[in-house]
PDB file of all heavy atoms in Angstrom:
ATOM      1  N   ILE A   1       0.838  -1.194   0.000  1.00  0.00           N
ATOM      2  CA  ILE A   1       0.000   0.000   0.000  1.00  0.00           C
ATOM      3  C   ILE A   1       0.877   1.249   0.000  1.00  0.00           C
ATOM      4  O   ILE A   1       2.021   1.220   0.456  1.00  0.00           O
ATOM      5  CB  ILE A   1      -0.990   0.047   1.192  1.00  0.00           C
ATOM      6  CG1 ILE A   1      -0.265   0.135   2.532  1.00  0.00           C
ATOM      7  CG2 ILE A   1      -1.948  -1.125   1.153  1.00  0.00           C
ATOM      8  CD1 ILE A   1      -1.177   0.478   3.703  1.00  0.00           C
ATOM      9  N   LEU A   2       0.307   2.315  -0.513  1.00  0.00           N
ATOM     10  CA  LEU A   2       0.919   3.630  -0.488  1.00  0.00           C
ATOM     11  C   LEU A   2      -0.006   4.536   0.311  1.00  0.00           C
ATOM     12  O   LEU A   2      -1.167   4.693  -0.045  1.00  0.00           O
ATOM     13  CB  LEU A   2       1.104   4.161  -1.912  1.00  0.00           C
ATOM     14  CG  LEU A   2       1.597   5.593  -2.077  1.00  0.00           C
ATOM     15  CD1 LEU A   2       2.986   5.774  -1.455  1.00  0.00           C
ATOM     16  CD2 LEU A   2       1.609   5.972  -3.556  1.00  0.00           C
ATOM     17  N   VAL A   3       0.506   5.105   1.405  1.00  0.00           N
ATOM     18  CA  VAL A   3      -0.273   6.007   2.250  1.00  0.00           C
ATOM     19  C   VAL A   3       0.175   7.432   1.940  1.00  0.00           C
ATOM     20  O   VAL A   3       1.349   7.769   2.110  1.00  0.00           O
ATOM     21  CB  VAL A   3      -0.076   5.692   3.749  1.00  0.00           C
ATOM     22  CG1 VAL A   3      -0.909   6.635   4.599  1.00  0.00           C
ATOM     23  CG2 VAL A   3      -0.437   4.241   4.039  1.00  0.00           C
ATOM     24  N   VAL A   4      -0.770   8.257   1.484  1.00  0.00           N
ATOM     25  CA  VAL A   4      -0.460   9.624   1.090  1.00  0.00           C
ATOM     26  C   VAL A   4      -1.234  10.582   1.997  1.00  0.00           C
ATOM     27  O   VAL A   4      -2.450  10.726   1.876  1.00  0.00           O
ATOM     28  CB  VAL A   4      -0.829   9.877  -0.389  1.00  0.00           C
ATOM     29  CG1 VAL A   4      -0.341  11.259  -0.825  1.00  0.00           C
ATOM     30  CG2 VAL A   4      -0.279   8.786  -1.284  1.00  0.00           C
ATOM     31  N   ASP A   5      -0.515  11.202   2.930  1.00  0.00           N
ATOM     32  CA  ASP A   5      -1.128  12.138   3.871  1.00  0.00           C
ATOM     33  C   ASP A   5      -0.033  13.038   4.414  1.00  0.00           C
ATOM     34  O   ASP A   5       1.058  12.560   4.721  1.00  0.00           O
ATOM     35  CB  ASP A   5      -1.813  11.385   5.013  1.00  0.00           C
ATOM     36  CG  ASP A   5      -2.803  12.259   5.765  1.00  0.00           C
ATOM     37  OD1 ASP A   5      -2.377  13.259   6.378  1.00  0.00           O
ATOM     38  OD2 ASP A   5      -4.008  11.946   5.736  1.00  0.00           O
ATOM     39  N   ASP A   6      -0.321  14.330   4.541  1.00  0.00           N
ATOM     40  CA  ASP A   6       0.693  15.255   5.032  1.00  0.00           C
ATOM     41  C   ASP A   6       0.850  15.220   6.549  1.00  0.00           C
ATOM     42  O   ASP A   6       1.749  15.841   7.098  1.00  0.00           O
ATOM     43  CB  ASP A   6       0.411  16.687   4.547  1.00  0.00           C
ATOM     44  CG  ASP A   6      -0.966  17.201   4.920  1.00  0.00           C
ATOM     45  OD1 ASP A   6      -1.790  16.418   5.433  1.00  0.00           O
ATOM     46  OD2 ASP A   6      -1.236  18.390   4.671  1.00  0.00           O
ATOM     47  N   ASN A   7       0.008  14.476   7.237  1.00  0.00           N
ATOM     48  CA  ASN A   7       0.068  14.381   8.698  1.00  0.00           C
ATOM     49  C   ASN A   7       0.725  13.051   9.099  1.00  0.00           C
ATOM     50  O   ASN A   7       0.151  11.986   8.872  1.00  0.00           O
ATOM     51  CB  ASN A   7      -1.347  14.487   9.271  1.00  0.00           C
ATOM     52  CG  ASN A   7      -1.371  14.503  10.776  1.00  0.00           C
ATOM     53  OD1 ASN A   7      -0.510  13.929  11.449  1.00  0.00           O
ATOM     54  ND2 ASN A   7      -2.375  15.158  11.323  1.00  0.00           N
ATOM     55  N   PRO A   8       1.911  13.108   9.717  1.00  0.00           N
ATOM     56  CA  PRO A   8       2.588  11.864  10.091  1.00  0.00           C
ATOM     57  C   PRO A   8       1.804  11.027  11.108  1.00  0.00           C
ATOM     58  O   PRO A   8       1.898   9.797  11.095  1.00  0.00           O
ATOM     59  CB  PRO A   8       3.927  12.327  10.671  1.00  0.00           C
ATOM     60  CG  PRO A   8       3.767  13.771  10.961  1.00  0.00           C
ATOM     61  CD  PRO A   8       2.683  14.291  10.072  1.00  0.00           C
ATOM     62  N   ASN A   9       1.012  11.672  11.957  1.00  0.00           N
ATOM     63  CA  ASN A   9       0.203  10.924  12.929  1.00  0.00           C
ATOM     64  C   ASN A   9      -0.884  10.102  12.230  1.00  0.00           C
ATOM     65  O   ASN A   9      -1.172   8.973  12.639  1.00  0.00           O
ATOM     66  CB  ASN A   9      -0.423  11.864  13.963  1.00  0.00           C
ATOM     67  CG  ASN A   9       0.620  12.493  14.856  1.00  0.00           C
ATOM     68  OD1 ASN A   9       1.633  11.878  15.183  1.00  0.00           O
ATOM     69  ND2 ASN A   9       0.389  13.742  15.240  1.00  0.00           N
ATOM     70  N   VAL A  10      -1.477  10.658  11.193  1.00  0.00           N
ATOM     71  CA  VAL A  10      -2.499   9.925  10.435  1.00  0.00           C
ATOM     72  C   VAL A  10      -1.851   8.740   9.723  1.00  0.00           C
ATOM     73  O   VAL A  10      -2.384   7.635   9.736  1.00  0.00           O
ATOM     74  CB  VAL A  10      -3.239  10.848   9.445  1.00  0.00           C
ATOM     75  CG1 VAL A  10      -4.142  10.040   8.524  1.00  0.00           C
ATOM     76  CG2 VAL A  10      -4.041  11.894  10.195  1.00  0.00           C
ATOM     77  N   ARG A  11      -0.695   8.977   9.110  1.00  0.00           N
ATOM     78  CA  ARG A  11      -0.001   7.871   8.436  1.00  0.00           C
ATOM     79  C   ARG A  11       0.322   6.762   9.433  1.00  0.00           C
ATOM     80  O   ARG A  11       0.141   5.585   9.141  1.00  0.00           O
ATOM     81  CB  ARG A  11       1.282   8.369   7.763  1.00  0.00           C
ATOM     82  CG  ARG A  11       1.026   9.298   6.593  1.00  0.00           C
ATOM     83  CD  ARG A  11       2.250   9.513   5.724  1.00  0.00           C
ATOM     84  NE  ARG A  11       3.452   9.847   6.438  1.00  0.00           N
ATOM     85  CZ  ARG A  11       3.873  11.080   6.717  1.00  0.00           C
ATOM     86  NH1 ARG A  11       3.148  12.118   6.344  1.00  0.00           N
ATOM     87  NH2 ARG A  11       5.023  11.276   7.357  1.00  0.00           N
ATOM     88  N   ARG A  12       0.747   7.133  10.616  1.00  0.00           N
ATOM     89  CA  ARG A  12       1.068   6.146  11.659  1.00  0.00           C
ATOM     90  C   ARG A  12      -0.179   5.361  12.075  1.00  0.00           C
ATOM     91  O   ARG A  12      -0.132   4.143  12.224  1.00  0.00           O
ATOM     92  CB  ARG A  12       1.686   6.857  12.872  1.00  0.00           C
ATOM     93  CG  ARG A  12       2.363   5.940  13.852  1.00  0.00           C
ATOM     94  CD  ARG A  12       3.095   6.696  14.973  1.00  0.00           C
ATOM     95  NE  ARG A  12       3.971   7.748  14.462  1.00  0.00           N
ATOM     96  CZ  ARG A  12       3.785   9.062  14.677  1.00  0.00           C
ATOM     97  NH1 ARG A  12       2.768   9.487  15.391  1.00  0.00           N
ATOM     98  NH2 ARG A  12       4.634   9.950  14.193  1.00  0.00           N
ATOM     99  N   MET A  13      -1.304   6.063  12.252  1.00  0.00           N
ATOM    100  CA  MET A  13      -2.550   5.380  12.628  1.00  0.00           C
ATOM    101  C   MET A  13      -2.998   4.399  11.551  1.00  0.00           C
ATOM    102  O   MET A  13      -3.398   3.279  11.855  1.00  0.00           O
ATOM    103  CB  MET A  13      -3.664   6.394  12.906  1.00  0.00           C
ATOM    104  CG  MET A  13      -3.584   7.046  14.258  1.00  0.00           C
ATOM    105  SD  MET A  13      -5.081   7.991  14.678  1.00  0.00           S
ATOM    106  CE  MET A  13      -5.120   9.219  13.401  1.00  0.00           C
ATOM    107  N   ILE A  14      -2.937   4.831  10.299  1.00  0.00           N
ATOM    108  CA  ILE A  14      -3.337   3.941   9.199  1.00  0.00           C
ATOM    109  C   ILE A  14      -2.455   2.706   9.187  1.00  0.00           C
ATOM    110  O   ILE A  14      -2.950   1.582   9.077  1.00  0.00           O
ATOM    111  CB  ILE A  14      -3.286   4.685   7.847  1.00  0.00           C
ATOM    112  CG1 ILE A  14      -4.401   5.727   7.774  1.00  0.00           C
ATOM    113  CG2 ILE A  14      -3.400   3.699   6.682  1.00  0.00           C
ATOM    114  CD1 ILE A  14      -4.333   6.656   6.577  1.00  0.00           C
ATOM    115  N   LYS A  15      -1.152   2.893   9.320  1.00  0.00           N
ATOM    116  CA  LYS A  15      -0.239   1.749   9.322  1.00  0.00           C
ATOM    117  C   LYS A  15      -0.539   0.803  10.480  1.00  0.00           C
ATOM    118  O   LYS A  15      -0.478  -0.412  10.307  1.00  0.00           O
ATOM    119  CB  LYS A  15       1.215   2.219   9.396  1.00  0.00           C
ATOM    120  CG  LYS A  15       1.688   2.850   8.106  1.00  0.00           C
ATOM    121  CD  LYS A  15       3.180   3.109   8.078  1.00  0.00           C
ATOM    122  CE  LYS A  15       3.682   3.842   9.283  1.00  0.00           C
ATOM    123  NZ  LYS A  15       5.106   4.227   9.196  1.00  0.00           N
ATOM    124  N   SER A  16      -0.893   1.340  11.640  1.00  0.00           N
ATOM    125  CA  SER A  16      -1.188   0.453  12.776  1.00  0.00           C
ATOM    126  C   SER A  16      -2.495  -0.305  12.569  1.00  0.00           C
ATOM    127  O   SER A  16      -2.627  -1.456  12.983  1.00  0.00           O
ATOM    128  CB  SER A  16      -1.219   1.233  14.089  1.00  0.00           C
ATOM    129  OG  SER A  16      -2.339   2.081  14.159  1.00  0.00           O
ATOM    130  N   ILE A  17      -3.451   0.302  11.889  1.00  0.00           N
ATOM    131  CA  ILE A  17      -4.748  -0.342  11.659  1.00  0.00           C
ATOM    132  C   ILE A  17      -4.660  -1.442  10.602  1.00  0.00           C
ATOM    133  O   ILE A  17      -5.296  -2.478  10.721  1.00  0.00           O
ATOM    134  CB  ILE A  17      -5.813   0.717  11.282  1.00  0.00           C
ATOM    135  CG1 ILE A  17      -6.144   1.568  12.515  1.00  0.00           C
ATOM    136  CG2 ILE A  17      -7.070   0.071  10.720  1.00  0.00           C
ATOM    137  CD1 ILE A  17      -7.006   2.781  12.223  1.00  0.00           C
ATOM    138  N   VAL A  18      -3.865  -1.223   9.565  1.00  0.00           N
ATOM    139  CA  VAL A  18      -3.819  -2.182   8.457  1.00  0.00           C
ATOM    140  C   VAL A  18      -2.527  -3.005   8.434  1.00  0.00           C
ATOM    141  O   VAL A  18      -2.352  -3.854   7.562  1.00  0.00           O
ATOM    142  CB  VAL A  18      -4.008  -1.488   7.086  1.00  0.00           C
ATOM    143  CG1 VAL A  18      -5.312  -0.717   7.056  1.00  0.00           C
ATOM    144  CG2 VAL A  18      -2.832  -0.590   6.751  1.00  0.00           C
ATOM    145  N   GLY A  19      -1.656  -2.771   9.378  1.00  0.00           N
ATOM    146  CA  GLY A  19      -0.321  -3.369   9.359  1.00  0.00           C
ATOM    147  C   GLY A  19      -0.280  -4.869   9.174  1.00  0.00           C
ATOM    148  O   GLY A  19       0.570  -5.383   8.438  1.00  0.00           O
ATOM    149  N   ASN A  20      -1.195  -5.599   9.807  1.00  0.00           N
ATOM    150  CA  ASN A  20      -1.165  -7.064   9.693  1.00  0.00           C
ATOM    151  C   ASN A  20      -1.781  -7.566   8.388  1.00  0.00           C
ATOM    152  O   ASN A  20      -1.769  -8.754   8.114  1.00  0.00           O
ATOM    153  CB  ASN A  20      -1.839  -7.719  10.899  1.00  0.00           C
ATOM    154  CG  ASN A  20      -3.314  -7.410  10.984  1.00  0.00           C
ATOM    155  OD1 ASN A  20      -3.797  -6.413  10.456  1.00  0.00           O
ATOM    156  ND2 ASN A  20      -4.037  -8.255  11.680  1.00  0.00           N
ATOM    157  N   LEU A  21      -2.303  -6.661   7.549  1.00  0.00           N
ATOM    158  CA  LEU A  21      -2.879  -7.062   6.260  1.00  0.00           C
ATOM    159  C   LEU A  21      -1.908  -6.866   5.100  1.00  0.00           C
ATOM    160  O   LEU A  21      -2.156  -7.363   4.008  1.00  0.00           O
ATOM    161  CB  LEU A  21      -4.142  -6.235   5.963  1.00  0.00           C
ATOM    162  CG  LEU A  21      -5.316  -6.363   6.927  1.00  0.00           C
ATOM    163  CD1 LEU A  21      -6.420  -5.404   6.517  1.00  0.00           C
ATOM    164  CD2 LEU A  21      -5.827  -7.790   6.971  1.00  0.00           C
ATOM    165  N   VAL A  22      -0.846  -6.131   5.337  1.00  0.00           N
ATOM    166  CA  VAL A  22       0.035  -5.744   4.237  1.00  0.00           C
ATOM    167  C   VAL A  22       1.472  -6.196   4.475  1.00  0.00           C
ATOM    168  O   VAL A  22       1.894  -6.367   5.617  1.00  0.00           O
ATOM    169  CB  VAL A  22       0.002  -4.212   3.996  1.00  0.00           C
ATOM    170  CG1 VAL A  22      -1.402  -3.754   3.660  1.00  0.00           C
ATOM    171  CG2 VAL A  22       0.527  -3.455   5.183  1.00  0.00           C
ATOM    172  N   GLU A  23       2.186  -6.404   3.375  1.00  0.00           N
ATOM    173  CA  GLU A  23       3.599  -6.770   3.468  1.00  0.00           C
ATOM    174  C   GLU A  23       4.491  -5.535   3.413  1.00  0.00           C
ATOM    175  O   GLU A  23       5.525  -5.489   4.053  1.00  0.00           O
ATOM    176  CB  GLU A  23       4.002  -7.707   2.321  1.00  0.00           C
ATOM    177  CG  GLU A  23       3.408  -9.100   2.415  1.00  0.00           C
ATOM    178  CD  GLU A  23       2.022  -9.184   1.769  1.00  0.00           C
ATOM    179  OE1 GLU A  23       1.820  -8.588   0.695  1.00  0.00           O
ATOM    180  OE2 GLU A  23       1.148  -9.826   2.362  1.00  0.00           O
ATOM    181  N   GLU A  24       4.093  -4.543   2.616  1.00  0.00           N
ATOM    182  CA  GLU A  24       4.917  -3.353   2.436  1.00  0.00           C
ATOM    183  C   GLU A  24       4.036  -2.111   2.492  1.00  0.00           C
ATOM    184  O   GLU A  24       2.945  -2.087   1.930  1.00  0.00           O
ATOM    185  CB  GLU A  24       5.644  -3.385   1.098  1.00  0.00           C
ATOM    186  CG  GLU A  24       6.631  -4.535   0.959  1.00  0.00           C
ATOM    187  CD  GLU A  24       7.294  -4.551  -0.407  1.00  0.00           C
ATOM    188  OE1 GLU A  24       7.925  -3.532  -0.762  1.00  0.00           O
ATOM    189  OE2 GLU A  24       7.165  -5.570  -1.105  1.00  0.00           O
ATOM    190  N   VAL A  25       4.567  -1.068   3.152  1.00  0.00           N
ATOM    191  CA  VAL A  25       3.877   0.216   3.242  1.00  0.00           C
ATOM    192  C   VAL A  25       4.842   1.299   2.779  1.00  0.00           C
ATOM    193  O   VAL A  25       5.958   1.403   3.300  1.00  0.00           O
ATOM    194  CB  VAL A  25       3.408   0.523   4.676  1.00  0.00           C
ATOM    195  CG1 VAL A  25       2.726   1.892   4.730  1.00  0.00           C
ATOM    196  CG2 VAL A  25       2.493  -0.560   5.196  1.00  0.00           C
ATOM    197  N   TYR A  26       4.415   2.087   1.831  1.00  0.00           N
ATOM    198  CA  TYR A  26       5.180   3.245   1.362  1.00  0.00           C
ATOM    199  C   TYR A  26       4.403   4.486   1.792  1.00  0.00           C
ATOM    200  O   TYR A  26       3.178   4.459   1.882  1.00  0.00           O
ATOM    201  CB  TYR A  26       5.346   3.213  -0.154  1.00  0.00           C
ATOM    202  CG  TYR A  26       5.977   1.928  -0.627  1.00  0.00           C
ATOM    203  CD1 TYR A  26       5.189   0.914  -1.158  1.00  0.00           C
ATOM    204  CD2 TYR A  26       7.345   1.719  -0.502  1.00  0.00           C
ATOM    205  CE1 TYR A  26       5.760  -0.282  -1.576  1.00  0.00           C
ATOM    206  CE2 TYR A  26       7.925   0.527  -0.917  1.00  0.00           C
ATOM    207  CZ  TYR A  26       7.124  -0.472  -1.450  1.00  0.00           C
ATOM    208  OH  TYR A  26       7.682  -1.651  -1.849  1.00  0.00           O
ATOM    209  N   GLU A  27       5.125   5.568   2.037  1.00  0.00           N
ATOM    210  CA  GLU A  27       4.488   6.790   2.514  1.00  0.00           C
ATOM    211  C   GLU A  27       4.908   7.988   1.685  1.00  0.00           C
ATOM    212  O   GLU A  27       6.051   8.068   1.245  1.00  0.00           O
ATOM    213  CB  GLU A  27       4.881   7.063   3.962  1.00  0.00           C
ATOM    214  CG  GLU A  27       4.438   6.019   4.948  1.00  0.00           C
ATOM    215  CD  GLU A  27       4.851   6.378   6.369  1.00  0.00           C
ATOM    216  OE1 GLU A  27       4.676   7.543   6.771  1.00  0.00           O
ATOM    217  OE2 GLU A  27       5.362   5.482   7.058  1.00  0.00           O
ATOM    218  N   CYS A  28       3.964   8.920   1.503  1.00  0.00           N
ATOM    219  CA  CYS A  28       4.217  10.201   0.849  1.00  0.00           C
ATOM    220  C   CYS A  28       3.463  11.278   1.617  1.00  0.00           C
ATOM    221  O   CYS A  28       2.471  10.988   2.288  1.00  0.00           O
ATOM    222  CB  CYS A  28       3.702  10.205  -0.584  1.00  0.00           C
ATOM    223  SG  CYS A  28       4.543   9.078  -1.667  1.00  0.00           S
ATOM    224  N   THR A  29       3.909  12.511   1.448  1.00  0.00           N
ATOM    225  CA  THR A  29       3.255  13.614   2.140  1.00  0.00           C
ATOM    226  C   THR A  29       2.456  14.516   1.205  1.00  0.00           C
ATOM    227  O   THR A  29       1.836  15.469   1.651  1.00  0.00           O
ATOM    228  CB  THR A  29       4.292  14.479   2.891  1.00  0.00           C
ATOM    229  OG1 THR A  29       5.221  15.009   1.944  1.00  0.00           O
ATOM    230  CG2 THR A  29       5.025  13.659   3.936  1.00  0.00           C
ATOM    231  N   ASP A  30       2.470  14.215  -0.094  1.00  0.00           N
ATOM    232  CA  ASP A  30       1.821  15.094  -1.057  1.00  0.00           C
ATOM    233  C   ASP A  30       1.420  14.300  -2.300  1.00  0.00           C
ATOM    234  O   ASP A  30       2.053  13.292  -2.626  1.00  0.00           O
ATOM    235  CB  ASP A  30       2.804  16.216  -1.437  1.00  0.00           C
ATOM    236  CG  ASP A  30       2.153  17.263  -2.302  1.00  0.00           C
ATOM    237  OD1 ASP A  30       1.423  18.115  -1.780  1.00  0.00           O
ATOM    238  OD2 ASP A  30       2.371  17.206  -3.530  1.00  0.00           O
ATOM    239  N   GLY A  31       0.422  14.797  -2.998  1.00  0.00           N
ATOM    240  CA  GLY A  31      -0.036  14.136  -4.202  1.00  0.00           C
ATOM    241  C   GLY A  31       1.016  14.024  -5.282  1.00  0.00           C
ATOM    242  O   GLY A  31       1.089  13.019  -5.994  1.00  0.00           O
TER     243      GLY A  31
END
């Protein structure tokens, strides 16, 4: 998954919620 959000706390929450469903998480702060 790719998580795109300018708020690092939101990215962290999303990763904690879906973490056991995914093998890899990439992050960006802007479109």
